[in-house]
N, C-alpha and C. Protein backbone atom coordinates (compact mmCIF):
# COMPACT_ATOMS: atom_id res chain seq x y z
N MET A 1 36.20 95.08 24.73
CA MET A 1 37.02 94.00 25.28
C MET A 1 36.20 93.21 26.30
N ARG A 2 36.20 91.90 26.15
CA ARG A 2 35.52 91.02 27.11
C ARG A 2 36.56 90.40 28.04
N GLY A 3 36.11 90.05 29.24
CA GLY A 3 37.00 89.38 30.16
C GLY A 3 36.64 89.67 31.60
N PHE A 4 37.57 89.35 32.48
CA PHE A 4 37.38 89.55 33.91
C PHE A 4 38.68 90.04 34.54
N PHE A 5 38.52 90.83 35.59
CA PHE A 5 39.65 91.21 36.44
C PHE A 5 39.57 90.33 37.69
N VAL A 6 40.60 89.53 37.92
CA VAL A 6 40.59 88.59 39.04
C VAL A 6 41.36 89.20 40.21
N THR A 7 40.68 89.33 41.33
CA THR A 7 41.32 89.84 42.54
C THR A 7 41.09 88.86 43.66
N GLY A 8 41.70 89.13 44.80
CA GLY A 8 41.54 88.26 45.96
C GLY A 8 41.18 89.05 47.20
N THR A 9 40.72 88.34 48.19
CA THR A 9 40.43 88.98 49.47
C THR A 9 41.70 89.17 50.28
N ASP A 10 42.80 88.57 49.82
CA ASP A 10 44.08 88.66 50.52
C ASP A 10 45.14 88.12 49.57
N THR A 11 46.37 88.10 50.02
CA THR A 11 47.44 87.49 49.25
C THR A 11 47.53 86.00 49.59
N GLU A 12 48.15 85.25 48.69
CA GLU A 12 48.40 83.81 48.89
C GLU A 12 47.12 83.01 49.12
N ILE A 13 46.09 83.31 48.35
CA ILE A 13 44.85 82.52 48.47
C ILE A 13 44.52 81.79 47.18
N GLY A 14 45.44 81.83 46.20
CA GLY A 14 45.25 81.04 45.00
C GLY A 14 44.69 81.79 43.81
N LYS A 15 44.92 83.11 43.73
CA LYS A 15 44.43 83.87 42.58
C LYS A 15 45.00 83.32 41.27
N THR A 16 46.31 83.05 41.28
CA THR A 16 46.95 82.57 40.06
C THR A 16 46.45 81.17 39.70
N PHE A 17 46.30 80.33 40.70
CA PHE A 17 45.75 78.98 40.48
C PHE A 17 44.38 79.08 39.82
N VAL A 18 43.51 79.93 40.35
CA VAL A 18 42.16 80.07 39.81
C VAL A 18 42.21 80.70 38.42
N THR A 19 42.99 81.77 38.27
CA THR A 19 43.06 82.45 36.97
C THR A 19 43.61 81.52 35.90
N ALA A 20 44.69 80.81 36.22
CA ALA A 20 45.28 79.88 35.25
C ALA A 20 44.32 78.74 34.92
N GLY A 21 43.66 78.20 35.94
CA GLY A 21 42.69 77.13 35.71
C GLY A 21 41.51 77.60 34.86
N LEU A 22 41.02 78.79 35.15
CA LEU A 22 39.94 79.36 34.34
C LEU A 22 40.40 79.59 32.90
N ALA A 23 41.62 80.06 32.74
CA ALA A 23 42.15 80.28 31.40
C ALA A 23 42.16 78.98 30.61
N ALA A 24 42.63 77.92 31.24
CA ALA A 24 42.67 76.62 30.57
C ALA A 24 41.26 76.13 30.23
N ALA A 25 40.34 76.28 31.19
CA ALA A 25 38.97 75.81 30.97
C ALA A 25 38.27 76.62 29.89
N LEU A 26 38.44 77.94 29.91
CA LEU A 26 37.81 78.79 28.90
C LEU A 26 38.43 78.57 27.52
N LYS A 27 39.72 78.27 27.50
CA LYS A 27 40.39 77.94 26.24
C LYS A 27 39.75 76.69 25.64
N GLU A 28 39.40 75.74 26.51
CA GLU A 28 38.75 74.52 26.03
C GLU A 28 37.38 74.82 25.43
N ASN A 29 36.79 75.95 25.82
CA ASN A 29 35.50 76.37 25.27
C ASN A 29 35.66 77.13 23.96
N GLY A 30 36.87 77.21 23.47
CA GLY A 30 37.09 77.82 22.17
C GLY A 30 37.31 79.31 22.16
N LEU A 31 37.52 79.90 23.34
CA LEU A 31 37.74 81.35 23.39
C LEU A 31 39.13 81.72 22.91
N ASP A 32 39.22 82.84 22.22
CA ASP A 32 40.51 83.44 21.90
C ASP A 32 40.92 84.26 23.12
N LEU A 33 41.65 83.62 24.01
CA LEU A 33 41.86 84.16 25.36
C LEU A 33 43.32 84.50 25.61
N GLY A 34 43.52 85.66 26.24
CA GLY A 34 44.84 86.06 26.68
C GLY A 34 44.85 86.33 28.17
N VAL A 35 46.03 86.44 28.75
CA VAL A 35 46.19 86.72 30.18
C VAL A 35 47.10 87.92 30.36
N TRP A 36 46.89 88.64 31.45
CA TRP A 36 47.72 89.80 31.76
C TRP A 36 47.90 89.89 33.26
N LYS A 37 49.15 89.94 33.68
CA LYS A 37 49.53 90.08 35.09
C LYS A 37 50.41 91.32 35.18
N PRO A 38 49.81 92.50 35.34
CA PRO A 38 50.60 93.74 35.21
C PRO A 38 51.73 93.87 36.21
N MET A 39 51.51 93.43 37.45
CA MET A 39 52.52 93.57 38.49
C MET A 39 52.81 92.22 39.12
N MET A 40 54.09 91.91 39.31
CA MET A 40 54.47 90.67 39.97
C MET A 40 55.71 90.89 40.80
N SER A 41 55.68 90.42 42.04
CA SER A 41 56.81 90.62 42.96
C SER A 41 57.29 89.28 43.49
N GLY A 42 58.60 89.19 43.68
CA GLY A 42 59.15 88.05 44.40
C GLY A 42 59.73 86.95 43.55
N THR A 43 59.57 87.01 42.24
CA THR A 43 60.13 85.97 41.38
C THR A 43 60.31 86.52 39.97
N LYS A 44 61.26 85.95 39.25
CA LYS A 44 61.48 86.34 37.87
C LYS A 44 60.37 85.77 37.00
N ARG A 45 59.93 86.53 36.02
CA ARG A 45 58.84 86.07 35.16
C ARG A 45 59.23 84.82 34.37
N GLU A 46 60.54 84.64 34.13
CA GLU A 46 61.00 83.48 33.35
C GLU A 46 61.03 82.20 34.18
N ASP A 47 60.89 82.31 35.50
CA ASP A 47 60.84 81.14 36.37
C ASP A 47 59.58 80.34 36.07
N PRO A 48 59.71 79.03 35.79
CA PRO A 48 58.53 78.21 35.46
C PRO A 48 57.47 78.17 36.55
N THR A 49 57.83 78.55 37.78
CA THR A 49 56.84 78.56 38.86
C THR A 49 56.24 79.95 39.08
N SER A 50 56.67 80.94 38.30
CA SER A 50 56.15 82.30 38.49
C SER A 50 54.71 82.41 38.02
N ASP A 51 54.01 83.37 38.57
CA ASP A 51 52.61 83.59 38.18
C ASP A 51 52.49 83.83 36.67
N ALA A 52 53.36 84.68 36.14
CA ALA A 52 53.28 85.01 34.73
C ALA A 52 53.51 83.79 33.84
N PHE A 53 54.50 82.99 34.20
CA PHE A 53 54.82 81.80 33.40
C PHE A 53 53.66 80.81 33.44
N LEU A 54 53.07 80.61 34.63
CA LEU A 54 51.95 79.68 34.76
C LEU A 54 50.74 80.17 33.96
N LEU A 55 50.45 81.46 34.05
CA LEU A 55 49.32 82.01 33.29
C LEU A 55 49.53 81.82 31.79
N LYS A 56 50.73 82.10 31.33
CA LYS A 56 51.03 81.96 29.91
C LYS A 56 50.87 80.51 29.45
N SER A 57 51.41 79.57 30.23
CA SER A 57 51.38 78.17 29.82
C SER A 57 49.97 77.59 29.90
N PHE A 58 49.21 77.94 30.94
CA PHE A 58 47.85 77.40 31.07
C PHE A 58 46.93 77.99 30.00
N ALA A 59 47.11 79.27 29.69
CA ALA A 59 46.28 79.92 28.68
C ALA A 59 46.75 79.60 27.27
N GLU A 60 47.96 79.04 27.17
CA GLU A 60 48.58 78.81 25.87
C GLU A 60 48.61 80.11 25.06
N ASP A 61 48.99 81.16 25.76
CA ASP A 61 49.02 82.51 25.20
C ASP A 61 50.36 82.72 24.48
N PRO A 62 50.34 82.98 23.18
CA PRO A 62 51.60 83.17 22.46
C PRO A 62 52.29 84.50 22.73
N ASN A 63 51.63 85.41 23.42
CA ASN A 63 52.28 86.69 23.72
C ASN A 63 53.54 86.48 24.55
N PRO A 64 54.57 87.31 24.35
CA PRO A 64 55.80 87.20 25.15
C PRO A 64 55.52 87.44 26.63
N LEU A 65 56.35 86.84 27.46
CA LEU A 65 56.20 87.02 28.91
C LEU A 65 56.27 88.49 29.30
N GLU A 66 57.08 89.27 28.60
CA GLU A 66 57.23 90.70 28.93
C GLU A 66 55.95 91.47 28.63
N TRP A 67 55.11 90.97 27.74
CA TRP A 67 53.82 91.59 27.48
C TRP A 67 52.81 91.15 28.53
N ILE A 68 52.87 89.88 28.87
CA ILE A 68 51.94 89.33 29.87
C ILE A 68 52.21 89.91 31.25
N ASN A 69 53.48 90.09 31.57
CA ASN A 69 53.86 90.68 32.85
C ASN A 69 54.87 91.80 32.61
N PRO A 70 54.39 93.02 32.38
CA PRO A 70 55.31 94.11 32.04
C PRO A 70 56.17 94.62 33.20
N PHE A 71 55.69 94.46 34.45
CA PHE A 71 56.43 95.00 35.59
C PHE A 71 56.67 93.90 36.62
N GLN A 72 57.94 93.57 36.79
CA GLN A 72 58.34 92.50 37.71
C GLN A 72 59.38 93.04 38.69
N PHE A 73 59.23 92.68 39.97
CA PHE A 73 60.14 93.14 41.01
C PHE A 73 60.68 91.93 41.78
N ASP A 74 61.90 92.06 42.27
CA ASP A 74 62.58 90.90 42.86
C ASP A 74 62.09 90.55 44.26
N GLU A 75 61.79 91.56 45.07
CA GLU A 75 61.42 91.27 46.46
C GLU A 75 59.92 90.96 46.58
N PRO A 76 59.56 90.02 47.46
CA PRO A 76 58.14 89.65 47.62
C PRO A 76 57.39 90.65 48.49
N LEU A 77 57.14 91.83 47.92
CA LEU A 77 56.51 92.93 48.64
C LEU A 77 55.36 93.49 47.79
N ALA A 78 54.56 94.36 48.40
CA ALA A 78 53.56 95.08 47.62
C ALA A 78 54.26 95.78 46.47
N PRO A 79 53.64 95.80 45.27
CA PRO A 79 54.34 96.34 44.10
C PRO A 79 54.91 97.73 44.28
N TYR A 80 54.18 98.62 44.92
CA TYR A 80 54.67 99.98 45.11
C TYR A 80 55.93 99.99 45.97
N THR A 81 55.92 99.22 47.06
CA THR A 81 57.10 99.15 47.93
C THR A 81 58.28 98.51 47.21
N ALA A 82 58.00 97.40 46.49
CA ALA A 82 59.07 96.72 45.75
C ALA A 82 59.67 97.64 44.70
N ALA A 83 58.84 98.41 44.01
CA ALA A 83 59.34 99.33 42.99
C ALA A 83 60.20 100.43 43.61
N LYS A 84 59.75 100.99 44.72
CA LYS A 84 60.52 102.05 45.38
C LYS A 84 61.90 101.54 45.80
N ARG A 85 61.95 100.31 46.29
CA ARG A 85 63.23 99.75 46.75
C ARG A 85 64.16 99.46 45.58
N GLU A 86 63.63 99.44 44.38
CA GLU A 86 64.46 99.28 43.18
C GLU A 86 64.63 100.61 42.46
N ASN A 87 64.22 101.71 43.13
CA ASN A 87 64.33 103.05 42.56
C ASN A 87 63.60 103.17 41.22
N ARG A 88 62.44 102.57 41.19
CA ARG A 88 61.60 102.62 39.98
C ARG A 88 60.28 103.30 40.32
N ILE A 89 59.75 104.04 39.37
CA ILE A 89 58.45 104.68 39.52
C ILE A 89 57.54 104.15 38.43
N ILE A 90 56.44 103.52 38.84
CA ILE A 90 55.47 102.99 37.89
C ILE A 90 54.21 103.85 38.00
N THR A 91 53.80 104.44 36.92
CA THR A 91 52.63 105.32 36.93
C THR A 91 51.41 104.63 36.30
N LYS A 92 50.25 105.22 36.55
CA LYS A 92 49.04 104.71 35.93
C LYS A 92 49.17 104.75 34.40
N GLU A 93 49.74 105.81 33.89
CA GLU A 93 49.89 105.96 32.44
C GLU A 93 50.77 104.86 31.86
N MET A 94 51.81 104.48 32.59
CA MET A 94 52.69 103.40 32.13
C MET A 94 51.94 102.07 32.08
N LEU A 95 51.15 101.80 33.11
CA LEU A 95 50.36 100.57 33.13
C LEU A 95 49.36 100.53 31.99
N LEU A 96 48.65 101.62 31.78
CA LEU A 96 47.64 101.65 30.73
C LEU A 96 48.28 101.57 29.34
N ASP A 97 49.47 102.11 29.20
CA ASP A 97 50.18 102.00 27.93
C ASP A 97 50.52 100.54 27.63
N LYS A 98 50.94 99.80 28.64
CA LYS A 98 51.23 98.37 28.47
C LYS A 98 49.95 97.60 28.15
N TRP A 99 48.85 97.96 28.81
CA TRP A 99 47.57 97.31 28.53
C TRP A 99 47.13 97.58 27.09
N ASN A 100 47.26 98.80 26.65
CA ASN A 100 46.85 99.15 25.28
C ASN A 100 47.68 98.41 24.24
N LYS A 101 48.89 98.05 24.61
CA LYS A 101 49.76 97.29 23.69
C LYS A 101 49.28 95.85 23.55
N VAL A 102 48.74 95.29 24.63
CA VAL A 102 48.44 93.86 24.64
C VAL A 102 46.96 93.55 24.37
N ASN A 103 46.06 94.48 24.67
CA ASN A 103 44.64 94.11 24.70
C ASN A 103 44.04 93.84 23.33
N GLY A 104 44.71 94.24 22.28
CA GLY A 104 44.20 93.94 20.95
C GLY A 104 44.63 92.59 20.41
N THR A 105 45.42 91.85 21.19
CA THR A 105 45.96 90.58 20.70
C THR A 105 45.00 89.41 20.89
N HIS A 106 43.95 89.60 21.69
CA HIS A 106 42.96 88.55 21.94
C HIS A 106 41.57 89.17 22.06
N ASP A 107 40.55 88.33 21.91
CA ASP A 107 39.17 88.79 22.06
C ASP A 107 38.73 88.85 23.52
N PHE A 108 39.39 88.08 24.39
CA PHE A 108 38.94 87.90 25.78
C PHE A 108 40.18 87.85 26.66
N PHE A 109 40.12 88.53 27.81
CA PHE A 109 41.27 88.57 28.70
C PHE A 109 40.90 88.24 30.14
N LEU A 110 41.80 87.53 30.80
CA LEU A 110 41.78 87.40 32.25
C LEU A 110 42.95 88.21 32.79
N VAL A 111 42.63 89.21 33.58
CA VAL A 111 43.65 90.07 34.17
C VAL A 111 43.74 89.75 35.66
N GLU A 112 44.93 89.43 36.12
CA GLU A 112 45.11 89.10 37.54
C GLU A 112 45.79 90.24 38.27
N GLY A 113 45.19 90.66 39.37
CA GLY A 113 45.79 91.71 40.19
C GLY A 113 46.94 91.17 41.02
N ALA A 114 47.26 91.87 42.10
CA ALA A 114 48.34 91.47 43.00
C ALA A 114 47.86 91.63 44.43
N GLY A 115 47.86 90.54 45.19
CA GLY A 115 47.37 90.62 46.56
C GLY A 115 45.88 90.94 46.58
N GLY A 116 45.47 91.79 47.49
CA GLY A 116 44.08 92.17 47.61
C GLY A 116 43.71 93.32 46.69
N PHE A 117 42.47 93.79 46.81
CA PHE A 117 41.92 94.75 45.85
C PHE A 117 42.40 96.17 46.10
N ALA A 118 42.94 96.46 47.27
CA ALA A 118 43.40 97.81 47.57
C ALA A 118 44.92 97.90 47.66
N VAL A 119 45.61 96.95 47.07
CA VAL A 119 47.08 96.98 47.08
C VAL A 119 47.58 98.15 46.24
N PRO A 120 48.51 98.96 46.77
CA PRO A 120 49.04 100.09 45.99
C PRO A 120 49.93 99.61 44.84
N PHE A 121 49.64 100.10 43.64
CA PHE A 121 50.51 99.88 42.50
C PHE A 121 51.49 101.05 42.34
N SER A 122 51.10 102.20 42.86
CA SER A 122 51.99 103.36 42.89
C SER A 122 51.56 104.23 44.06
N GLU A 123 52.18 105.39 44.21
CA GLU A 123 51.87 106.25 45.35
C GLU A 123 50.41 106.67 45.37
N SER A 124 49.81 106.79 44.19
CA SER A 124 48.43 107.29 44.13
C SER A 124 47.53 106.45 43.24
N PHE A 125 47.88 105.16 43.09
CA PHE A 125 47.14 104.30 42.16
C PHE A 125 47.06 102.89 42.72
N LEU A 126 45.83 102.46 43.02
CA LEU A 126 45.62 101.15 43.62
C LEU A 126 45.19 100.12 42.58
N ALA A 127 45.28 98.85 42.96
CA ALA A 127 44.82 97.78 42.07
C ALA A 127 43.36 97.99 41.67
N SER A 128 42.55 98.43 42.60
CA SER A 128 41.13 98.66 42.33
C SER A 128 40.92 99.70 41.24
N GLU A 129 41.78 100.72 41.22
CA GLU A 129 41.64 101.78 40.23
C GLU A 129 42.03 101.28 38.84
N LEU A 130 42.95 100.33 38.79
CA LEU A 130 43.28 99.72 37.50
C LEU A 130 42.08 98.93 36.98
N ALA A 131 41.44 98.17 37.86
CA ALA A 131 40.25 97.41 37.46
C ALA A 131 39.18 98.35 36.89
N LYS A 132 39.01 99.48 37.52
CA LYS A 132 38.01 100.45 37.05
C LYS A 132 38.40 101.01 35.69
N GLU A 133 39.67 101.29 35.50
CA GLU A 133 40.15 101.82 34.22
C GLU A 133 39.94 100.81 33.09
N LEU A 134 40.14 99.52 33.39
CA LEU A 134 40.03 98.49 32.35
C LEU A 134 38.58 98.16 32.02
N GLN A 135 37.66 98.55 32.90
CA GLN A 135 36.23 98.34 32.68
C GLN A 135 35.90 96.85 32.50
N LEU A 136 36.53 96.02 33.32
CA LEU A 136 36.24 94.59 33.32
C LEU A 136 35.53 94.22 34.62
N PRO A 137 34.52 93.35 34.55
CA PRO A 137 33.87 92.91 35.79
C PRO A 137 34.82 92.11 36.66
N LEU A 138 34.51 92.08 37.93
CA LEU A 138 35.40 91.54 38.94
C LEU A 138 35.04 90.09 39.28
N LEU A 139 36.07 89.26 39.36
CA LEU A 139 35.97 87.94 39.96
C LEU A 139 36.78 87.96 41.24
N ILE A 140 36.14 87.62 42.35
CA ILE A 140 36.81 87.68 43.66
C ILE A 140 37.14 86.26 44.12
N VAL A 141 38.41 85.99 44.36
CA VAL A 141 38.84 84.70 44.89
C VAL A 141 38.95 84.82 46.40
N ALA A 142 38.30 83.91 47.10
CA ALA A 142 38.26 83.96 48.56
C ALA A 142 38.67 82.61 49.14
N ARG A 143 39.20 82.65 50.34
CA ARG A 143 39.53 81.39 51.02
C ARG A 143 38.26 80.82 51.66
N PRO A 144 38.27 79.54 52.01
CA PRO A 144 37.03 78.92 52.48
C PRO A 144 36.76 79.02 53.97
N SER A 145 37.75 79.36 54.77
CA SER A 145 37.65 79.15 56.21
C SER A 145 37.02 80.32 56.96
N LEU A 146 36.90 80.16 58.26
CA LEU A 146 36.31 81.16 59.12
C LEU A 146 37.02 82.51 58.94
N GLY A 147 36.25 83.58 58.79
CA GLY A 147 36.81 84.91 58.56
C GLY A 147 36.67 85.37 57.12
N THR A 148 36.42 84.42 56.24
CA THR A 148 36.36 84.80 54.81
C THR A 148 35.13 85.63 54.48
N VAL A 149 34.05 85.48 55.24
CA VAL A 149 32.85 86.27 54.96
C VAL A 149 33.16 87.75 55.13
N ASN A 150 33.81 88.10 56.22
CA ASN A 150 34.18 89.50 56.46
C ASN A 150 35.06 90.04 55.34
N HIS A 151 36.12 89.32 55.00
CA HIS A 151 37.05 89.79 53.98
C HIS A 151 36.37 89.91 52.61
N THR A 152 35.50 88.96 52.31
CA THR A 152 34.83 88.97 51.02
C THR A 152 33.83 90.11 50.93
N LEU A 153 33.05 90.32 51.98
CA LEU A 153 32.08 91.41 51.98
C LEU A 153 32.77 92.77 51.89
N LEU A 154 33.88 92.93 52.58
CA LEU A 154 34.61 94.19 52.50
C LEU A 154 35.07 94.46 51.06
N THR A 155 35.55 93.43 50.39
CA THR A 155 35.98 93.58 49.00
C THR A 155 34.80 93.94 48.10
N ILE A 156 33.68 93.27 48.30
CA ILE A 156 32.48 93.53 47.51
C ILE A 156 31.98 94.96 47.72
N PHE A 157 31.89 95.36 48.97
CA PHE A 157 31.37 96.70 49.27
C PHE A 157 32.30 97.79 48.72
N TYR A 158 33.59 97.55 48.79
CA TYR A 158 34.56 98.51 48.25
C TYR A 158 34.43 98.61 46.74
N ALA A 159 34.29 97.48 46.06
CA ALA A 159 34.13 97.49 44.60
C ALA A 159 32.86 98.24 44.21
N ARG A 160 31.81 98.06 44.99
CA ARG A 160 30.55 98.75 44.69
C ARG A 160 30.69 100.26 44.88
N GLN A 161 31.47 100.67 45.84
CA GLN A 161 31.71 102.10 46.02
C GLN A 161 32.35 102.72 44.79
N LEU A 162 33.15 101.93 44.08
CA LEU A 162 33.82 102.39 42.87
C LEU A 162 33.00 102.12 41.62
N SER A 163 31.79 101.57 41.81
CA SER A 163 30.89 101.25 40.69
C SER A 163 31.50 100.23 39.73
N ILE A 164 32.26 99.28 40.29
CA ILE A 164 32.85 98.20 39.50
C ILE A 164 31.91 97.00 39.55
N PRO A 165 31.43 96.51 38.41
CA PRO A 165 30.54 95.35 38.43
C PRO A 165 31.26 94.10 38.93
N ILE A 166 30.51 93.27 39.64
CA ILE A 166 31.08 92.05 40.23
C ILE A 166 30.41 90.84 39.60
N ALA A 167 31.19 90.02 38.94
CA ALA A 167 30.65 88.83 38.30
C ALA A 167 30.35 87.75 39.32
N GLY A 168 31.19 87.61 40.33
CA GLY A 168 30.94 86.59 41.33
C GLY A 168 32.16 86.32 42.18
N VAL A 169 31.96 85.38 43.10
CA VAL A 169 33.00 84.96 44.04
C VAL A 169 33.34 83.50 43.75
N ILE A 170 34.62 83.18 43.79
CA ILE A 170 35.07 81.79 43.70
C ILE A 170 35.83 81.47 44.97
N ILE A 171 35.40 80.42 45.64
CA ILE A 171 36.06 80.00 46.88
C ILE A 171 37.07 78.91 46.54
N ASN A 172 38.28 79.10 46.99
CA ASN A 172 39.37 78.22 46.56
C ASN A 172 40.07 77.53 47.74
N GLY A 173 40.40 76.26 47.53
CA GLY A 173 41.29 75.57 48.45
C GLY A 173 40.62 74.81 49.58
N VAL A 174 39.43 74.27 49.36
CA VAL A 174 38.74 73.52 50.41
C VAL A 174 39.38 72.14 50.57
N LYS A 175 39.79 71.83 51.77
CA LYS A 175 40.37 70.51 52.07
C LYS A 175 39.30 69.64 52.72
N ASP A 176 39.23 68.39 52.29
CA ASP A 176 38.22 67.47 52.82
C ASP A 176 38.29 67.34 54.34
N ASN A 177 39.51 67.32 54.87
CA ASN A 177 39.66 67.13 56.31
C ASN A 177 39.42 68.41 57.11
N GLU A 178 39.16 69.51 56.40
CA GLU A 178 38.88 70.78 57.07
C GLU A 178 37.51 71.32 56.70
N LEU A 179 36.63 70.45 56.24
CA LEU A 179 35.30 70.87 55.80
C LEU A 179 34.36 70.92 57.01
N GLY A 180 34.47 72.03 57.76
CA GLY A 180 33.64 72.21 58.95
C GLY A 180 32.38 73.00 58.64
N ILE A 181 31.68 73.40 59.68
CA ILE A 181 30.44 74.16 59.51
C ILE A 181 30.69 75.48 58.80
N ALA A 182 31.78 76.17 59.14
CA ALA A 182 32.08 77.46 58.50
C ALA A 182 32.25 77.28 57.00
N GLU A 183 33.03 76.27 56.60
CA GLU A 183 33.28 76.05 55.18
C GLU A 183 32.00 75.67 54.43
N GLN A 184 31.10 74.99 55.11
CA GLN A 184 29.84 74.58 54.48
C GLN A 184 28.85 75.74 54.35
N THR A 185 28.88 76.65 55.31
CA THR A 185 27.87 77.72 55.33
C THR A 185 28.35 79.04 54.75
N ASN A 186 29.66 79.23 54.63
CA ASN A 186 30.18 80.52 54.14
C ASN A 186 29.66 80.91 52.75
N PRO A 187 29.63 79.99 51.77
CA PRO A 187 29.15 80.40 50.44
C PRO A 187 27.72 80.95 50.46
N GLY A 188 26.82 80.27 51.16
CA GLY A 188 25.44 80.73 51.24
C GLY A 188 25.31 82.05 51.96
N LEU A 189 26.11 82.22 53.00
CA LEU A 189 26.06 83.48 53.76
C LEU A 189 26.56 84.65 52.93
N ILE A 190 27.64 84.44 52.16
CA ILE A 190 28.16 85.49 51.29
C ILE A 190 27.10 85.91 50.28
N GLU A 191 26.45 84.93 49.66
CA GLU A 191 25.41 85.24 48.68
C GLU A 191 24.23 85.97 49.33
N GLU A 192 23.81 85.50 50.50
CA GLU A 192 22.64 86.08 51.17
C GLU A 192 22.86 87.54 51.53
N VAL A 193 24.03 87.84 52.06
CA VAL A 193 24.29 89.20 52.56
C VAL A 193 24.65 90.16 51.42
N SER A 194 25.37 89.67 50.43
CA SER A 194 25.89 90.56 49.38
C SER A 194 25.08 90.57 48.10
N ASN A 195 24.28 89.54 47.89
CA ASN A 195 23.56 89.37 46.62
C ASN A 195 24.51 89.23 45.44
N VAL A 196 25.68 88.68 45.71
CA VAL A 196 26.66 88.35 44.67
C VAL A 196 26.77 86.83 44.60
N PRO A 197 26.72 86.25 43.40
CA PRO A 197 26.75 84.79 43.31
C PRO A 197 28.11 84.20 43.67
N VAL A 198 28.09 83.11 44.40
CA VAL A 198 29.28 82.29 44.58
C VAL A 198 29.26 81.27 43.44
N LEU A 199 30.19 81.39 42.53
CA LEU A 199 30.17 80.62 41.30
C LEU A 199 30.67 79.20 41.48
N GLY A 200 31.25 78.92 42.62
CA GLY A 200 31.72 77.56 42.88
C GLY A 200 32.78 77.52 43.94
N THR A 201 33.07 76.31 44.38
CA THR A 201 34.09 76.07 45.39
C THR A 201 35.08 75.05 44.84
N ILE A 202 36.34 75.40 44.82
CA ILE A 202 37.37 74.54 44.24
C ILE A 202 38.09 73.79 45.35
N PRO A 203 38.22 72.48 45.25
CA PRO A 203 38.94 71.73 46.28
C PRO A 203 40.43 72.02 46.23
N PHE A 204 41.08 71.78 47.34
CA PHE A 204 42.54 71.94 47.41
C PHE A 204 43.20 70.90 46.50
N LEU A 205 44.11 71.37 45.67
CA LEU A 205 44.89 70.49 44.80
C LEU A 205 46.36 70.80 45.00
N ALA A 206 47.18 69.77 45.07
CA ALA A 206 48.62 69.98 45.25
C ALA A 206 49.38 69.33 44.10
N ASN A 207 50.19 70.14 43.42
CA ASN A 207 51.07 69.63 42.37
C ASN A 207 50.32 68.87 41.29
N LYS A 208 49.24 69.45 40.81
CA LYS A 208 48.44 68.81 39.78
C LYS A 208 48.81 69.37 38.41
N SER A 209 48.48 68.61 37.38
CA SER A 209 48.79 69.01 36.02
C SER A 209 47.78 70.03 35.49
N ARG A 210 48.09 70.62 34.34
CA ARG A 210 47.17 71.55 33.70
C ARG A 210 45.83 70.86 33.46
N LYS A 211 45.87 69.62 32.99
CA LYS A 211 44.64 68.88 32.70
C LYS A 211 43.79 68.69 33.95
N GLU A 212 44.42 68.31 35.06
CA GLU A 212 43.68 68.07 36.31
C GLU A 212 43.11 69.37 36.88
N ILE A 213 43.88 70.44 36.80
CA ILE A 213 43.39 71.73 37.31
C ILE A 213 42.25 72.24 36.44
N CYS A 214 42.40 72.08 35.12
CA CYS A 214 41.33 72.47 34.21
C CYS A 214 40.05 71.70 34.52
N GLU A 215 40.17 70.40 34.76
CA GLU A 215 39.00 69.58 35.09
C GLU A 215 38.39 70.00 36.42
N ALA A 216 39.23 70.37 37.40
CA ALA A 216 38.71 70.82 38.69
C ALA A 216 37.88 72.09 38.52
N ILE A 217 38.32 72.99 37.66
CA ILE A 217 37.57 74.21 37.39
C ILE A 217 36.26 73.86 36.68
N GLN A 218 36.34 73.03 35.66
CA GLN A 218 35.15 72.66 34.88
C GLN A 218 34.11 71.95 35.75
N ASN A 219 34.58 71.15 36.70
CA ASN A 219 33.67 70.36 37.53
C ASN A 219 33.07 71.14 38.70
N ASN A 220 33.70 72.26 39.04
CA ASN A 220 33.27 72.96 40.25
C ASN A 220 32.85 74.41 40.05
N ILE A 221 33.08 74.95 38.87
CA ILE A 221 32.71 76.33 38.57
C ILE A 221 31.67 76.34 37.45
N ASP A 222 30.67 77.18 37.59
CA ASP A 222 29.62 77.28 36.59
C ASP A 222 30.14 78.13 35.42
N ILE A 223 30.86 77.47 34.50
CA ILE A 223 31.49 78.17 33.38
C ILE A 223 30.45 78.83 32.47
N GLU A 224 29.35 78.13 32.20
CA GLU A 224 28.33 78.69 31.31
C GLU A 224 27.74 79.98 31.89
N ARG A 225 27.48 79.96 33.19
CA ARG A 225 26.94 81.16 33.85
C ARG A 225 27.94 82.30 33.77
N LEU A 226 29.21 81.95 33.93
CA LEU A 226 30.27 82.95 33.88
C LEU A 226 30.34 83.59 32.49
N LEU A 227 30.26 82.78 31.46
CA LEU A 227 30.37 83.29 30.10
C LEU A 227 29.17 84.16 29.73
N LYS A 228 28.01 83.85 30.29
CA LYS A 228 26.82 84.67 30.01
C LYS A 228 26.96 86.07 30.58
N MET A 229 27.81 86.21 31.60
CA MET A 229 28.01 87.51 32.20
C MET A 229 28.83 88.42 31.30
């Protein structure tokens, strides 16, 4: 199975935006691509603004939403906490069973985690451990501003401890009016210290169409380099 596991240095930094945009851009390259969002909290998967719905529509994935997002919780909490509050127990075996059901439907997958890389999916199973089980290289989405170097390096070093290969870092959400020294120097510093490539920096976009987001990815991310990985 080819693909990437997309994680973030934190929550609410645009993982879904990046994953959906990448899905659209890679689809334009002719890939037979699917998406998988195993855990989602805070919204119904059928909501057009939900992560699962956006991933499905941007990827043009014919798989049912229940396959793309097998576990959905109502409260906007870490998946393990949200599941406990609904008196549900989600195990590693249950997650892998859902993955085994879906992974044969496409040649290439983008899998999006939930929150950061160490978010608990169950009492004894973290997002990072799912990435290791799936044997997909990691794409790390990071914010552009001051403090992101620390968060990004911690994620990289943790992934390396688990022997998870890292394809690169994508910096998301740069605003023209906030392009200070930190935002200009952070990508180079991350690469210098970690020896992990920063594959591109995506500008902040608000309420843009699939076409515009796809173009933003194509214009700012080294897609060819990514595919060679």
